């Protein structure tokens, strides 16, 4: 199989490892051991934790960006909108 480069990102490496384990179990004949299921479960919990942290950081960054843009808008004096009168040509 050809995988795209992961650039050393831990979340990508974890997802690739989980996929490898799941594919190995899917292709295997016979019973699945508890240790194998626990490995996948631990990987899934770790992936979920990474994704939660990323989502929280994204929210914080969006809030900070919105706060900064609100401050920038409020720093300008409040002038009424000017309408541009178009003169007939």
C-alpha atoms as a PDB file:
ATOM      1  CA  UNK A   1       0.000   0.000   0.000  1.00  0.00           C
ATOM      2  CA  UNK A   2       1.086   3.560  -0.624  1.00  0.00           C
ATOM      3  CA  UNK A   3       0.446   5.986   2.206  1.00  0.00           C
ATOM      4  CA  UNK A   4       0.713   9.752   1.867  1.00  0.00           C
ATOM      5  CA  UNK A   5       3.595  11.257   3.841  1.00  0.00           C
ATOM      6  CA  UNK A   6       2.657  11.930   7.454  1.00  0.00           C
ATOM      7  CA  UNK A   7       5.320  14.609   7.954  1.00  0.00           C
ATOM      8  CA  UNK A   8       5.914  13.149  11.411  1.00  0.00           C
ATOM      9  CA  UNK A   9       2.537  14.308  12.719  1.00  0.00           C
ATOM     10  CA  UNK A  10       1.536  12.172  15.712  1.00  0.00           C
ATOM     11  CA  UNK A  11      -2.189  12.215  14.922  1.00  0.00           C
ATOM     12  CA  UNK A  12      -1.593  10.919  11.398  1.00  0.00           C
ATOM     13  CA  UNK A  13       0.764   8.224  12.707  1.00  0.00           C
ATOM     14  CA  UNK A  14      -1.834   7.107  15.251  1.00  0.00           C
ATOM     15  CA  UNK A  15      -4.553   6.890  12.606  1.00  0.00           C
ATOM     16  CA  UNK A  16      -2.288   4.910  10.300  1.00  0.00           C
ATOM     17  CA  UNK A  17      -1.415   2.496  13.109  1.00  0.00           C
ATOM     18  CA  UNK A  18      -5.111   2.045  13.960  1.00  0.00           C
ATOM     19  CA  UNK A  19      -5.912   1.352  10.307  1.00  0.00           C
ATOM     20  CA  UNK A  20      -3.105  -1.207  10.075  1.00  0.00           C
ATOM     21  CA  UNK A  21      -4.392  -3.045  13.154  1.00  0.00           C
ATOM     22  CA  UNK A  22      -7.989  -3.043  11.927  1.00  0.00           C
ATOM     23  CA  UNK A  23      -7.008  -4.304   8.466  1.00  0.00           C
ATOM     24  CA  UNK A  24      -4.860  -7.035  10.031  1.00  0.00           C
ATOM     25  CA  UNK A  25      -7.807  -8.176  12.156  1.00  0.00           C
ATOM     26  CA  UNK A  26     -10.215  -8.028   9.242  1.00  0.00           C
ATOM     27  CA  UNK A  27      -7.989 -10.255   7.110  1.00  0.00           C
ATOM     28  CA  UNK A  28      -7.310 -12.785   9.829  1.00  0.00           C
ATOM     29  CA  UNK A  29      -9.061 -16.073  10.341  1.00  0.00           C
ATOM     30  CA  UNK A  30      -9.848 -17.192  13.848  1.00  0.00           C
ATOM     31  CA  UNK A  31     -10.620 -15.488  17.130  1.00  0.00           C
ATOM     32  CA  UNK A  32      -9.498 -11.967  17.924  1.00  0.00           C
ATOM     33  CA  UNK A  33      -7.560 -11.559  21.144  1.00  0.00           C
ATOM     34  CA  UNK A  34      -8.443  -9.119  23.900  1.00  0.00           C
ATOM     35  CA  UNK A  35      -4.988  -7.552  23.694  1.00  0.00           C
ATOM     36  CA  UNK A  36      -5.517  -6.677  20.045  1.00  0.00           C
ATOM     37  CA  UNK A  37      -8.874  -5.076  20.750  1.00  0.00           C
ATOM     38  CA  UNK A  38      -7.380  -3.166  23.671  1.00  0.00           C
ATOM     39  CA  UNK A  39      -4.622  -1.820  21.414  1.00  0.00           C
ATOM     40  CA  UNK A  40      -7.181  -0.501  18.967  1.00  0.00           C
ATOM     41  CA  UNK A  41      -9.306   0.948  21.771  1.00  0.00           C
ATOM     42  CA  UNK A  42      -6.312   2.746  23.293  1.00  0.00           C
ATOM     43  CA  UNK A  43      -5.373   4.157  19.896  1.00  0.00           C
ATOM     44  CA  UNK A  44      -8.953   5.314  19.335  1.00  0.00           C
ATOM     45  CA  UNK A  45      -9.069   7.039  22.733  1.00  0.00           C
ATOM     46  CA  UNK A  46      -5.758   8.752  22.019  1.00  0.00           C
ATOM     47  CA  UNK A  47      -6.939   9.880  18.580  1.00  0.00           C
ATOM     48  CA  UNK A  48     -10.158  11.236  20.096  1.00  0.00           C
ATOM     49  CA  UNK A  49      -8.184  13.125  22.737  1.00  0.00           C
ATOM     50  CA  UNK A  50      -5.954  14.679  20.049  1.00  0.00           C
ATOM     51  CA  UNK A  51      -9.003  15.687  18.003  1.00  0.00           C
ATOM     52  CA  UNK A  52     -10.705  17.217  21.067  1.00  0.00           C
ATOM     53  CA  UNK A  53      -7.629  19.301  21.845  1.00  0.00           C
ATOM     54  CA  UNK A  54      -7.379  20.434  18.225  1.00  0.00           C
ATOM     55  CA  UNK A  55     -11.068  21.410  18.207  1.00  0.00           C
ATOM     56  CA  UNK A  56     -10.633  23.363  21.462  1.00  0.00           C
ATOM     57  CA  UNK A  57      -7.604  25.183  20.073  1.00  0.00           C
ATOM     58  CA  UNK A  58      -9.504  25.988  16.874  1.00  0.00           C
ATOM     59  CA  UNK A  59     -12.382  27.432  18.914  1.00  0.00           C
ATOM     60  CA  UNK A  60     -10.021  29.508  21.032  1.00  0.00           C
ATOM     61  CA  UNK A  61      -8.253  30.789  17.930  1.00  0.00           C
ATOM     62  CA  UNK A  62     -11.569  31.659  16.252  1.00  0.00           C
ATOM     63  CA  UNK A  63     -12.757  33.470  19.386  1.00  0.00           C
ATOM     64  CA  UNK A  64      -9.495  35.415  19.584  1.00  0.00           C
ATOM     65  CA  UNK A  65      -9.755  36.321  15.909  1.00  0.00           C
ATOM     66  CA  UNK A  66     -13.372  37.427  16.345  1.00  0.00           C
ATOM     67  CA  UNK A  67     -12.480  39.479  19.434  1.00  0.00           C
ATOM     68  CA  UNK A  68      -9.670  41.200  17.553  1.00  0.00           C
ATOM     69  CA  UNK A  69     -11.865  41.956  14.544  1.00  0.00           C
ATOM     70  CA  UNK A  70     -14.623  43.318  16.811  1.00  0.00           C
ATOM     71  CA  UNK A  71     -12.113  45.605  18.515  1.00  0.00           C
ATOM     72  CA  UNK A  72     -10.787  46.789  15.167  1.00  0.00           C
ATOM     73  CA  UNK A  73     -14.296  47.605  13.958  1.00  0.00           C
ATOM     74  CA  UNK A  74     -15.140  49.412  17.211  1.00  0.00           C
ATOM     75  CA  UNK A  75     -11.961  51.476  17.011  1.00  0.00           C
ATOM     76  CA  UNK A  76     -13.196  53.285  13.923  1.00  0.00           C
ATOM     77  CA  UNK A  77     -15.489  56.282  14.422  1.00  0.00           C
ATOM     78  CA  UNK A  78     -19.116  55.572  13.675  1.00  0.00           C
ATOM     79  CA  UNK A  79     -19.958  57.532  10.559  1.00  0.00           C
ATOM     80  CA  UNK A  80     -23.167  57.024   8.663  1.00  0.00           C
ATOM     81  CA  UNK A  81     -23.068  55.281   5.347  1.00  0.00           C
ATOM     82  CA  UNK A  82     -22.709  57.561   2.438  1.00  0.00           C
ATOM     83  CA  UNK A  83     -24.659  56.750  -0.637  1.00  0.00           C
ATOM     84  CA  UNK A  84     -22.983  57.331  -3.916  1.00  0.00           C
ATOM     85  CA  UNK A  85     -25.280  59.222  -6.242  1.00  0.00           C
ATOM     86  CA  UNK A  86     -24.894  58.128  -9.792  1.00  0.00           C
ATOM     87  CA  UNK A  87     -25.378  60.953 -12.232  1.00  0.00           C
ATOM     88  CA  UNK A  88     -26.915  60.099 -15.580  1.00  0.00           C
ATOM     89  CA  UNK A  89     -24.381  60.014 -18.372  1.00  0.00           C
END
